[in-house]
Amino acid sequence: MRSATRFALACGVALGLSACSTASYPSLARRAAEGPQTETAKASVTQTAPNPQARLTQWLDAAHKAQDNFTQALPNTQVLLARSGARGGEAWSQANLALAELERQRTALGDVVADMEQAYAKDRIEQSVSAPVEADWAKTRAEILRMAANQDRQLAELRAKLR
């Protein structure tokens, strides 16, 4: 009877050990996509240029810089999304991180829009906006908002691919 118990115990241990997983798990090391982030250039034009025309130029320059940064980050995101694979996998995680970085780049343009709108509202309240400046402001605002709408459209398309 003792040998039967030992045999049953040995079989139980062997069976239990055979169920142990030998699968490799993903590393917890930092991925390349999680490396140092580039800084988005926050435009604070209101304090640097009291002249309305100079502020418009600075806002437009900041918007173009934000657009350039977004455009530079876009191809990498598109490539990673094309290879994203199953939800929750390593490639999907990298694509998700790239999309998050692209969305972070989008915030730089949002900062320009917010700064511009806030300064314009303040100038309107103080009634210090002349008709020519208002026309230039409307033109600059329309151009910057077109950039923002284009970025938003691209981000929406990319988000749809990730799901």
Foldseek 3Di string as FASTA:
>chain_A
DVVVVVVVVVVVVVVVVVPDDPDDDDDPDDDPLNDDADDQDQDQLVVVDVDLVVSLVSLLVQLVVLLVVLVVLPVVLVVLLVVQPDPPDPSLVSNVSSLVSSVVSLVNLVSSLVNLVVSVVVCVVVVPADPVSVVSSVVSNVVSVVSSVVSVVSSVVSVVSSD
